[in-house]
Amino acid sequence: MIADKTVTNQTVINDLDQILGFIKGTEMTATQKDQMTADTLNYFDKYVSPGWLKYRKSVSTDAAVLEWTDQDAVIHGLKGEEFIDCLGGFGIYTSGHRNQYILDAVKAQLEHQALHSQELLDPLRGYLAKAVADITPGDLEKCFFTNGGAEAVEMALKLARIATGGRWYISTVGAFHGKSMGAISIGGKGTYRVPYTPMVQQVQHVEYGNAEDIRKAVRNLQTVGESVAAVIIEPVQGEAGIIVPPEGYLKEVREICDEYGVALIFDEIQSGMGRTGTMWRCEAEGVVPDIMTYGKAFGGGIMPITGLICRPNMWVQQLIDNPWLLGSPTFGGNPVCCAAAIATISYMLKNDIPGQAKAKGSYLIEKLQHLASEFPEVIQEVRGVGLMIGVEFHSSEIGYDVSKGLFERGVLTAGTLVNSKTIRFEPPAVIEYNQLNQVIDRMTLALADTKKHFALQ
């Protein structure tokens, strides 16, 4: 039975005109702010998902905060609440919130064109592709732009099969590569896979950080007559809880792939674009993949744009003969998003964002490790590289309690999707040292409260 919708078009127009007014800067009264808060809770529950409000790991409190403005490393709520952002949109805001340099480029682009015709040549896509080739290691060259991380991974998986003729993929336990059908097939946590099985069947998972496991998996498959298209790994596992593999792991995996004629895919969507102290994490070990995905911070925290880059030999004749074979995302590589990415690369190089992430990450890790020694009953381990840092607690409940304590003190952070005992610290690289000191001071108080709350000795 179809619900009887009695809302008229004029009602919708009136409602949206009011919201557009707020977007354009109409000052809100306290009553209007209260109404917007109530509406948001109601509409999320009714029209988005009832589970969304219950699942938020960072906001473990009854207080509803609507984010409304942001700048650099700070987010402001609708009613004036202020948060130092140590979540960074899961890695989006490496260049900060509403970075003025990037924002100006996007505004300028919007003044003459936003999207592309799909038929004529859009010049910014070419300029961006060259820039990506210029800042990536080795002979990575051919670019393909997409809209979200999972889409970039899907294209990487397809490209590996086209280029190698192989069929199997080797992934890792704890891996996170997105939630589309192919991406979740190579994901490493059952919670996100089980509801959709059977998925892509030719996937084998091995232990992360153990190169010999990859060697055995590839060798065994090839011995029984199967063909392997690619090994896909995160140079640092993000959603697994910020897991940094042993030194030399990436190099050994590269050697294994070369030995057996298998493509190597690095998923640098979270670890790349300066977050880990080099523009790309694989640079730290001097390893060049065959295919690399990028995203999150790539759009400068302003526009959504992701993609992949590959070595020239991966762009086989089939793809030259049919440019649409790999994929044809309607909005992929559109001008306004390309403008954001071009400005982001320029800003990062001019301001040494990777260097800032490295220095501030070392500073923050040292402070967090000191807290771990001061509160060993609460914190189990601190790990990470650059500003991709995980703090693991002795239980999920303890981690949630610390997150709540930080939230109540104006610090935004959150757990990771695959390892719920770990909360992440991924602040913008433009965060100031005095803000990092405030985070540590507030976390000290939160840890003390948690220790008392759980009577930890």
Protein backbone atom coordinates (compact mmCIF):
# COMPACT_ATOMS: atom_id res chain seq x y z
CA MET A 1 0.00 0.00 0.00
CA ILE A 2 1.38 3.41 -0.95
CA ALA A 3 1.42 5.99 1.84
CA ASP A 4 -0.85 8.98 1.35
CA LYS A 5 1.46 11.96 1.03
CA THR A 6 -0.47 15.13 1.62
CA VAL A 7 2.51 17.50 1.48
CA THR A 8 2.10 20.00 -1.35
CA ASN A 9 4.84 21.30 -3.61
CA GLN A 10 4.42 24.73 -2.04
CA THR A 11 5.10 23.27 1.40
CA VAL A 12 8.30 21.71 0.12
CA ILE A 13 9.30 25.00 -1.52
CA ASN A 14 8.69 26.92 1.69
CA ASP A 15 10.70 24.44 3.77
CA LEU A 16 13.62 24.42 1.36
CA ASP A 17 13.63 28.20 0.95
CA GLN A 18 14.14 28.54 4.69
CA ILE A 19 17.02 26.03 4.64
CA LEU A 20 18.58 27.74 1.62
CA GLY A 21 18.37 30.99 3.52
CA PHE A 22 20.34 29.48 6.39
CA ILE A 23 22.89 28.08 3.95
CA LYS A 24 23.28 31.52 2.39
CA GLY A 25 23.85 33.16 5.75
CA THR A 26 20.48 34.09 7.27
CA GLU A 27 21.03 34.48 11.02
CA MET A 28 19.22 31.85 13.07
CA THR A 29 17.44 32.52 16.33
CA ALA A 30 17.88 30.20 19.32
CA THR A 31 14.41 28.80 18.63
CA GLN A 32 15.34 28.06 15.01
CA LYS A 33 18.52 26.31 16.12
CA ASP A 34 16.52 24.17 18.52
CA GLN A 35 14.09 23.36 15.72
CA MET A 36 16.91 22.41 13.33
CA THR A 37 18.37 20.10 15.98
CA ALA A 38 15.02 18.43 16.56
CA ASP A 39 14.37 18.15 12.82
CA THR A 40 17.79 16.59 12.21
CA LEU A 41 17.27 13.91 14.85
CA ASN A 42 13.79 13.19 13.50
CA TYR A 43 14.79 13.13 9.83
CA PHE A 44 17.88 10.96 10.39
CA ASP A 45 15.73 8.51 12.30
CA LYS A 46 12.88 8.49 9.77
CA TYR A 47 14.46 9.19 6.38
CA VAL A 48 18.15 8.22 6.70
CA SER A 49 18.57 5.31 9.12
CA PRO A 50 17.49 4.76 12.73
CA GLY A 51 20.82 3.04 13.36
CA TRP A 52 22.90 6.05 12.39
CA LEU A 53 22.22 7.94 15.60
CA LYS A 54 22.94 4.90 17.76
CA TYR A 55 26.15 3.83 16.03
CA ARG A 56 28.22 7.00 16.28
CA LYS A 57 31.32 5.78 18.13
CA SER A 58 32.81 9.18 18.86
CA VAL A 59 29.73 10.92 20.17
CA SER A 60 28.99 8.59 23.06
CA THR A 61 26.70 11.11 24.71
CA ASP A 62 23.06 12.13 24.71
CA ALA A 63 23.92 15.65 23.55
CA ALA A 64 23.14 16.13 19.86
CA VAL A 65 25.64 18.40 18.13
CA LEU A 66 25.03 19.58 14.58
CA GLU A 67 28.25 20.52 12.80
CA TRP A 68 27.75 23.81 10.99
CA THR A 69 31.03 25.65 10.38
CA ASP A 70 34.69 24.69 10.27
CA GLN A 71 38.12 26.12 9.62
CA ASP A 72 41.68 24.70 9.75
CA ALA A 73 41.67 22.19 12.65
CA VAL A 74 38.43 23.27 14.34
CA ILE A 75 34.77 22.32 13.87
CA HIS A 76 31.96 24.45 15.30
CA GLY A 77 28.51 23.16 16.15
CA LEU A 78 25.29 24.96 15.32
CA LYS A 79 24.99 26.32 18.87
CA GLY A 80 28.59 27.45 19.14
CA GLU A 81 30.20 24.22 20.35
CA GLU A 82 33.90 24.01 19.42
CA PHE A 83 35.92 20.87 18.73
CA ILE A 84 39.56 20.34 17.92
CA ASP A 85 39.35 17.82 15.09
CA CYS A 86 41.52 14.77 15.72
CA LEU A 87 39.34 12.55 13.53
CA GLY A 88 40.02 14.44 10.32
CA GLY A 89 37.04 12.94 8.50
CA PHE A 90 38.88 9.57 8.50
CA GLY A 91 41.81 11.27 6.77
CA ILE A 92 40.04 13.81 4.54
CA TYR A 93 41.28 17.01 6.15
CA THR A 94 45.05 16.73 5.84
CA SER A 95 45.14 20.28 4.43
CA GLY A 96 42.65 21.47 7.04
CA HIS A 97 38.97 22.37 6.99
CA ARG A 98 37.90 24.81 4.27
CA ASN A 99 41.49 25.56 3.32
CA GLN A 100 41.26 29.04 1.81
CA TYR A 101 43.80 28.38 -0.96
CA ILE A 102 41.86 25.33 -2.18
CA LEU A 103 38.47 26.94 -1.60
CA ASP A 104 39.42 29.95 -3.74
CA ALA A 105 40.35 27.65 -6.65
CA VAL A 106 37.04 25.81 -6.41
CA LYS A 107 35.04 29.05 -6.26
CA ALA A 108 36.92 30.39 -9.27
CA GLN A 109 36.25 27.19 -11.23
CA LEU A 110 32.55 27.34 -10.39
CA GLU A 111 32.40 30.82 -11.89
CA HIS A 112 33.01 29.41 -15.39
CA GLN A 113 32.26 25.66 -15.29
CA ALA A 114 31.33 23.00 -12.76
CA LEU A 115 30.78 19.67 -14.55
CA HIS A 116 31.84 18.50 -18.01
CA SER A 117 29.92 17.68 -21.17
CA GLN A 118 31.10 14.03 -21.29
CA GLU A 119 32.09 14.53 -24.94
CA LEU A 120 34.47 17.47 -25.32
CA LEU A 121 37.94 17.46 -23.77
CA ASP A 122 38.12 18.89 -20.27
CA PRO A 123 41.64 20.30 -19.80
CA LEU A 124 41.84 20.12 -16.00
CA ARG A 125 41.68 16.32 -16.09
CA GLY A 126 44.83 16.24 -18.19
CA TYR A 127 46.67 18.74 -16.00
CA LEU A 128 45.69 16.85 -12.86
CA ALA A 129 46.75 13.49 -14.31
CA LYS A 130 50.19 14.90 -15.14
CA ALA A 131 50.50 16.38 -11.64
CA VAL A 132 49.64 13.02 -10.05
CA ALA A 133 52.21 11.29 -12.26
CA ASP A 134 54.77 13.93 -11.22
CA ILE A 135 54.28 13.41 -7.47
CA THR A 136 54.00 9.61 -7.41
CA PRO A 137 57.01 7.27 -7.26
CA GLY A 138 58.69 5.42 -10.09
CA ASP A 139 57.05 5.13 -13.48
CA LEU A 140 53.43 5.41 -12.32
CA GLU A 141 51.77 7.32 -15.13
CA LYS A 142 48.24 6.48 -16.34
CA CYS A 143 45.42 8.01 -14.26
CA PHE A 144 41.73 7.24 -13.90
CA PHE A 145 39.58 9.49 -11.70
CA THR A 146 36.59 8.36 -9.66
CA ASN A 147 34.31 9.74 -6.95
CA GLY A 148 34.80 7.58 -3.84
CA GLY A 149 37.40 5.23 -2.41
CA ALA A 150 35.47 2.03 -3.01
CA GLU A 151 34.97 3.01 -6.66
CA ALA A 152 38.72 3.57 -7.08
CA VAL A 153 39.39 0.13 -5.62
CA GLU A 154 36.81 -1.46 -7.94
CA MET A 155 38.61 0.04 -10.93
CA ALA A 156 41.98 -1.15 -9.60
CA LEU A 157 40.68 -4.71 -9.26
CA LYS A 158 39.25 -4.64 -12.78
CA LEU A 159 42.43 -3.15 -14.20
CA ALA A 160 44.53 -5.91 -12.63
CA ARG A 161 42.43 -8.60 -14.30
CA ILE A 162 42.49 -6.88 -17.70
CA ALA A 163 46.23 -6.22 -17.58
CA THR A 164 47.43 -9.59 -16.24
CA GLY A 165 44.78 -12.04 -17.41
CA GLY A 166 44.76 -13.40 -13.85
CA ARG A 167 41.63 -14.00 -11.83
CA TRP A 168 42.47 -14.45 -8.13
CA TYR A 169 43.17 -11.67 -5.63
CA ILE A 170 45.27 -11.96 -2.49
CA SER A 171 44.18 -9.64 0.31
CA THR A 172 44.84 -9.46 4.05
CA VAL A 173 42.96 -10.12 7.26
CA GLY A 174 41.82 -6.83 8.74
CA ALA A 175 41.94 -5.06 5.38
CA PHE A 176 39.48 -2.31 4.54
CA HIS A 177 39.07 -1.20 0.94
CA GLY A 178 35.47 0.07 0.85
CA LYS A 179 32.01 -1.46 0.88
CA SER A 180 31.00 -1.90 -2.76
CA MET A 181 30.67 -5.53 -3.87
CA GLY A 182 34.19 -6.02 -5.17
CA ALA A 183 35.83 -3.90 -2.49
CA ILE A 184 34.06 -5.70 0.34
CA SER A 185 35.00 -9.05 -1.21
CA ILE A 186 38.64 -8.27 -0.51
CA GLY A 187 37.83 -6.67 2.86
CA GLY A 188 39.15 -8.40 5.94
CA LYS A 189 36.35 -8.34 8.52
CA GLY A 190 33.45 -10.77 8.51
CA THR A 191 30.94 -8.25 9.86
CA TYR A 192 30.93 -6.38 6.57
CA ARG A 193 31.25 -9.43 4.31
CA VAL A 194 28.84 -12.05 5.66
CA PRO A 195 25.54 -10.31 4.75
CA TYR A 196 26.56 -10.27 1.07
CA THR A 197 28.09 -13.68 0.52
CA PRO A 198 28.70 -15.14 -1.97
CA MET A 199 30.68 -12.24 -3.37
CA VAL A 200 33.69 -12.25 -5.68
CA GLN A 201 34.76 -15.82 -5.04
CA GLN A 202 38.37 -15.78 -6.17
CA VAL A 203 39.79 -13.99 -3.13
CA GLN A 204 42.18 -15.41 -0.56
CA HIS A 205 43.00 -13.62 2.69
CA VAL A 206 46.36 -13.90 4.43
CA GLU A 207 47.93 -12.47 7.57
CA TYR A 208 48.88 -8.79 7.25
CA GLY A 209 52.57 -8.08 7.70
CA ASN A 210 53.58 -11.65 6.85
CA ALA A 211 55.05 -11.65 3.34
CA GLU A 212 55.67 -15.38 3.38
CA ASP A 213 51.91 -15.94 3.65
CA ILE A 214 51.48 -14.06 0.38
CA ARG A 215 54.21 -16.13 -1.28
CA LYS A 216 52.56 -19.38 -0.21
CA ALA A 217 49.10 -18.24 -1.33
CA VAL A 218 50.27 -17.20 -4.80
CA ARG A 219 52.49 -20.25 -5.25
CA ASN A 220 49.81 -22.70 -4.15
CA LEU A 221 47.18 -21.18 -6.42
CA GLN A 222 49.47 -21.21 -9.43
CA THR A 223 50.59 -24.76 -8.65
CA VAL A 224 47.02 -26.05 -8.93
CA GLY A 225 46.45 -24.20 -12.19
CA GLU A 226 44.82 -20.99 -10.97
CA SER A 227 45.89 -17.54 -12.17
CA VAL A 228 46.46 -14.64 -9.77
CA ALA A 229 45.69 -11.10 -10.90
CA ALA A 230 46.89 -9.05 -7.97
CA VAL A 231 47.96 -8.68 -4.39
CA ILE A 232 46.22 -5.71 -2.73
CA ILE A 233 47.42 -4.23 0.54
CA GLU A 234 47.31 -1.03 2.53
CA PRO A 235 50.85 0.22 3.27
CA VAL A 236 49.42 1.03 6.71
CA GLN A 237 46.16 -0.66 7.64
CA GLY A 238 43.73 2.07 8.61
CA GLU A 239 40.41 0.63 9.74
CA ALA A 240 42.13 -2.40 11.27
CA GLY A 241 43.39 -0.05 13.95
CA ILE A 242 46.36 1.78 12.38
CA ILE A 243 48.59 -1.25 11.88
CA VAL A 244 52.11 -0.46 10.64
CA PRO A 245 53.71 -3.54 9.04
CA PRO A 246 57.29 -4.63 9.79
CA GLU A 247 60.04 -2.74 7.99
CA GLY A 248 60.83 -4.43 4.68
CA TYR A 249 57.35 -5.94 4.28
CA LEU A 250 56.38 -3.81 1.29
CA LYS A 251 59.69 -4.54 -0.46
CA GLU A 252 59.33 -8.27 0.06
CA VAL A 253 55.77 -8.24 -1.27
CA ARG A 254 57.02 -6.34 -4.34
CA GLU A 255 59.68 -9.01 -4.90
CA ILE A 256 57.10 -11.80 -4.58
CA CYS A 257 54.79 -10.16 -7.11
CA ASP A 258 57.70 -9.74 -9.54
CA GLU A 259 58.76 -13.35 -9.05
CA TYR A 260 55.31 -14.76 -9.83
CA GLY A 261 54.14 -12.20 -12.40
CA VAL A 262 51.37 -10.77 -10.24
CA ALA A 263 50.27 -7.12 -10.10
CA LEU A 264 50.79 -5.26 -6.85
CA ILE A 265 48.08 -2.80 -5.76
CA PHE A 266 48.72 -0.35 -2.95
CA ASP A 267 45.61 1.20 -1.44
CA GLU A 268 46.91 4.62 -0.37
CA ILE A 269 43.47 6.18 -0.01
CA GLN A 270 44.00 6.87 3.69
CA SER A 271 47.79 6.65 4.07
CA GLY A 272 48.66 8.79 1.05
CA MET A 273 48.61 12.50 0.24
CA GLY A 274 51.05 13.40 2.97
CA ARG A 275 49.30 11.87 5.97
CA THR A 276 52.09 9.49 6.98
CA GLY A 277 55.02 11.89 6.61
CA THR A 278 55.81 11.30 2.96
CA MET A 279 53.50 12.10 0.08
CA TRP A 280 52.87 8.35 -0.26
CA ARG A 281 53.60 5.76 2.40
CA CYS A 282 55.21 3.40 -0.12
CA GLU A 283 57.93 6.03 -0.66
CA ALA A 284 59.18 5.35 2.87
CA GLU A 285 60.38 1.91 1.69
CA GLY A 286 61.21 2.92 -1.87
CA VAL A 287 58.60 0.58 -3.35
CA VAL A 288 56.62 1.25 -6.53
CA PRO A 289 53.32 -0.65 -7.01
CA ASP A 290 51.79 -1.51 -10.37
CA ILE A 291 48.55 0.22 -9.40
CA MET A 292 47.95 2.72 -6.61
CA THR A 293 44.64 4.12 -5.40
CA TYR A 294 44.29 7.53 -3.76
CA GLY A 295 41.47 9.57 -2.29
CA LYS A 296 40.25 11.14 0.98
CA ALA A 297 42.66 14.12 1.28
CA PHE A 298 43.10 14.26 -2.52
CA GLY A 299 40.21 16.75 -2.84
CA GLY A 300 41.64 19.00 -0.15
CA GLY A 301 38.72 18.48 2.20
CA ILE A 302 36.62 20.54 -0.20
CA MET A 303 35.48 18.25 -3.04
CA PRO A 304 35.11 14.44 -3.39
CA ILE A 305 37.58 13.01 -5.87
CA THR A 306 39.52 9.74 -5.88
CA GLY A 307 41.26 7.61 -8.45
CA LEU A 308 44.06 5.30 -9.43
CA ILE A 309 47.39 5.58 -11.17
CA CYS A 310 49.24 2.70 -12.81
CA ARG A 311 52.42 1.85 -14.66
CA PRO A 312 52.31 2.24 -18.45
CA ASN A 313 52.42 -1.50 -19.11
CA MET A 314 49.19 -1.97 -17.15
CA TRP A 315 47.25 0.23 -19.60
CA VAL A 316 46.90 -2.53 -22.17
CA GLN A 317 45.64 -2.27 -25.75
CA GLN A 318 42.08 -3.23 -24.76
CA LEU A 319 41.83 -0.04 -22.73
CA ILE A 320 43.26 2.04 -25.55
CA ASP A 321 40.82 0.54 -28.04
CA ASN A 322 37.86 1.09 -25.70
CA PRO A 323 38.38 3.97 -23.22
CA TRP A 324 35.05 3.11 -21.56
CA LEU A 325 35.95 -0.51 -20.82
CA LEU A 326 37.41 0.05 -17.34
CA GLY A 327 34.55 2.31 -16.27
CA SER A 328 32.63 5.45 -17.11
CA PRO A 329 31.69 7.30 -13.90
CA THR A 330 29.49 10.24 -14.86
CA PHE A 331 31.15 12.61 -12.42
CA GLY A 332 34.65 11.11 -12.45
CA GLY A 333 37.33 13.72 -13.08
CA ASN A 334 34.86 16.59 -13.37
CA PRO A 335 36.31 20.12 -13.61
CA VAL A 336 35.35 21.45 -10.19
CA CYS A 337 36.75 18.40 -8.40
CA CYS A 338 39.89 18.46 -10.54
CA ALA A 339 40.35 22.12 -9.62
CA ALA A 340 40.22 21.15 -5.94
CA ALA A 341 42.78 18.37 -6.40
CA ILE A 342 45.12 20.59 -8.44
CA ALA A 343 44.99 23.26 -5.73
CA THR A 344 45.51 20.60 -3.05
CA ILE A 345 48.68 19.26 -4.65
CA SER A 346 49.97 22.81 -5.12
CA TYR A 347 49.21 23.71 -1.49
CA MET A 348 50.79 20.54 -0.12
CA LEU A 349 54.01 21.07 -2.05
CA LYS A 350 54.26 24.77 -1.23
CA ASN A 351 53.64 24.19 2.49
CA ASP A 352 55.41 20.83 2.88
CA ILE A 353 52.33 19.12 4.27
CA PRO A 354 54.10 15.72 4.41
CA GLY A 355 56.90 17.31 6.47
CA GLN A 356 54.39 18.92 8.79
CA ALA A 357 52.60 15.61 9.25
CA LYS A 358 55.88 13.88 10.04
CA ALA A 359 57.02 16.45 12.62
CA LYS A 360 53.65 16.93 14.31
CA GLY A 361 52.98 13.19 14.21
CA SER A 362 56.25 12.45 16.02
CA TYR A 363 55.38 15.10 18.60
CA LEU A 364 51.86 13.73 19.15
CA ILE A 365 52.95 10.08 19.28
CA GLU A 366 55.56 10.90 21.92
CA LYS A 367 52.96 12.69 24.04
CA LEU A 368 50.47 9.84 23.65
CA GLN A 369 53.09 7.25 24.55
CA HIS A 370 53.82 9.23 27.71
CA LEU A 371 50.12 9.04 28.56
CA ALA A 372 50.23 5.29 27.90
CA SER A 373 53.01 4.92 30.47
CA GLU A 374 51.06 7.09 32.91
CA PHE A 375 47.79 5.17 32.38
CA PRO A 376 48.84 1.56 31.56
CA GLU A 377 45.55 0.27 33.01
CA VAL A 378 43.65 2.20 30.35
CA ILE A 379 45.89 2.32 27.26
CA GLN A 380 47.25 -0.89 25.79
CA GLU A 381 49.34 0.53 22.94
CA VAL A 382 50.07 3.66 20.90
CA ARG A 383 51.18 3.14 17.30
CA GLY A 384 51.28 4.92 13.99
CA VAL A 385 53.33 6.99 11.61
CA GLY A 386 52.99 10.66 10.77
CA LEU A 387 49.48 11.82 11.64
CA MET A 388 47.93 8.39 11.16
CA ILE A 389 47.90 7.28 14.79
CA GLY A 390 45.97 4.66 16.74
CA VAL A 391 45.51 4.41 20.49
CA GLU A 392 44.37 0.93 21.50
CA PHE A 393 42.65 0.37 24.82
CA HIS A 394 42.21 -2.81 26.84
CA SER A 395 38.56 -3.09 25.78
CA SER A 396 36.07 -1.43 23.46
CA GLU A 397 34.11 -0.17 26.46
CA ILE A 398 37.15 1.63 27.81
CA GLY A 399 37.83 3.14 24.40
CA TYR A 400 34.25 4.38 24.10
CA ASP A 401 34.46 5.95 27.55
CA VAL A 402 37.66 7.82 26.64
CA SER A 403 36.08 8.97 23.36
CA LYS A 404 33.12 10.28 25.32
CA GLY A 405 35.41 12.09 27.72
CA LEU A 406 37.28 13.70 24.83
CA PHE A 407 34.05 14.70 23.11
CA GLU A 408 32.74 16.33 26.27
CA ARG A 409 35.98 18.31 26.44
CA GLY A 410 35.86 19.49 22.84
CA VAL A 411 38.09 16.95 21.08
CA LEU A 412 36.64 14.95 18.19
CA THR A 413 37.95 11.46 17.52
CA ALA A 414 36.43 8.05 16.79
CA GLY A 415 37.01 4.33 16.68
CA THR A 416 38.08 2.39 13.61
CA LEU A 417 35.66 0.19 11.67
CA VAL A 418 37.50 -3.11 11.95
CA ASN A 419 39.15 -2.78 15.36
CA SER A 420 36.70 -1.17 17.78
CA LYS A 421 39.21 -1.13 20.65
CA THR A 422 41.24 1.50 18.84
CA ILE A 423 40.46 5.17 18.45
CA ARG A 424 42.28 7.14 15.79
CA PHE A 425 44.09 10.42 15.86
CA GLU A 426 44.22 11.86 12.35
CA PRO A 427 44.17 15.63 12.78
CA PRO A 428 44.87 18.02 9.94
CA ALA A 429 48.56 18.58 9.26
CA VAL A 430 47.91 22.31 9.68
CA ILE A 431 46.96 21.80 13.34
CA GLU A 432 48.99 24.04 15.63
CA TYR A 433 51.25 22.71 18.37
CA ASN A 434 49.29 24.57 21.05
CA GLN A 435 46.18 22.71 19.86
CA LEU A 436 48.01 19.39 20.12
CA ASN A 437 48.98 20.35 23.68
CA GLN A 438 45.33 21.10 24.45
CA VAL A 439 44.38 17.67 23.10
CA ILE A 440 46.90 15.99 25.40
CA ASP A 441 45.74 18.02 28.41
CA ARG A 442 42.10 17.13 27.77
CA MET A 443 42.92 13.50 27.13
CA THR A 444 44.77 13.33 30.44
CA LEU A 445 41.56 14.35 32.19
CA ALA A 446 39.50 11.90 30.12
CA LEU A 447 41.86 9.04 30.96
CA ALA A 448 41.72 9.87 34.65
CA ASP A 449 37.91 9.84 34.53
CA THR A 450 37.88 6.49 32.71
CA LYS A 451 40.34 4.97 35.17
CA LYS A 452 38.08 6.05 38.04
CA HIS A 453 34.86 5.04 36.24
CA PHE A 454 36.07 1.45 35.65
CA ALA A 455 38.01 1.28 38.96
CA LEU A 456 41.14 0.30 37.06
CA GLN A 457 44.25 -0.49 39.07
